[in-house]
Amino acid sequence: MTYYPNIDAAVYFATEIFPEVLKKYPKVKFKITGQNPPDKILKLASDNIIVTGFVESLADEYSKSSIAVSPVRVGAGSMNKVLEPMSMGLPVVSSSIGFAGLGAVAGRDIILADNKTDFINSVCNLLSDANYRKYIGESGKEIIHNNLSWEKIAIKLENYFYSVADNKKGIQNSA
């Protein structure tokens, strides 16, 4: 929780998006989890915003959640805060920054929201419909397991090594 993009995302969600979600779902909680949260994050804590700091198991936290959000506005690449909940079948609402490189389809495997209004609507839509949450969660889980499981990554890595070895043989044979 000391990484600037995570701080910015948590503050943005807590101050810009979550108050609007609370208007429709006054009992909903937003949990900010991450070790060593700075004062800027600690000050967000309220009856509906829980700042946990370090937790032993993120999987346990995700298992208690209805959805995960990743409103990251700066940075690059796929982020664990998107991969982990997806791998557990938890539906995720993410900005395109947190969504990059997953091979997931927006609206089927993950919900893409790049502005405040889309984020509010997406979170509220998921909170209002258990079947929709289940559909997005299961579809996202399937994408992660089919494309990014350890087994799939190992096969891709093995194939890469074979291709490098084959190219090296071709270079040596042509010399």
Foldseek 3Di string as FASTA:
>chain_A
DPDVLLLVQLLCCLPQAVVLLCVVVVQAAAEAEEAPDDPSNVVSDDNRYHYDHYDPDVLVVLVPDQAFEAQGDDDADADPSLLVSLLVLFEYEYEVRNVPPLPDDDPQQHPYDNDNVSVNVVVNVSVVDVVSRNRNSVSSSCSCVVCPDPVNVVVVVVVVVVVVVVVVVVVVVVD
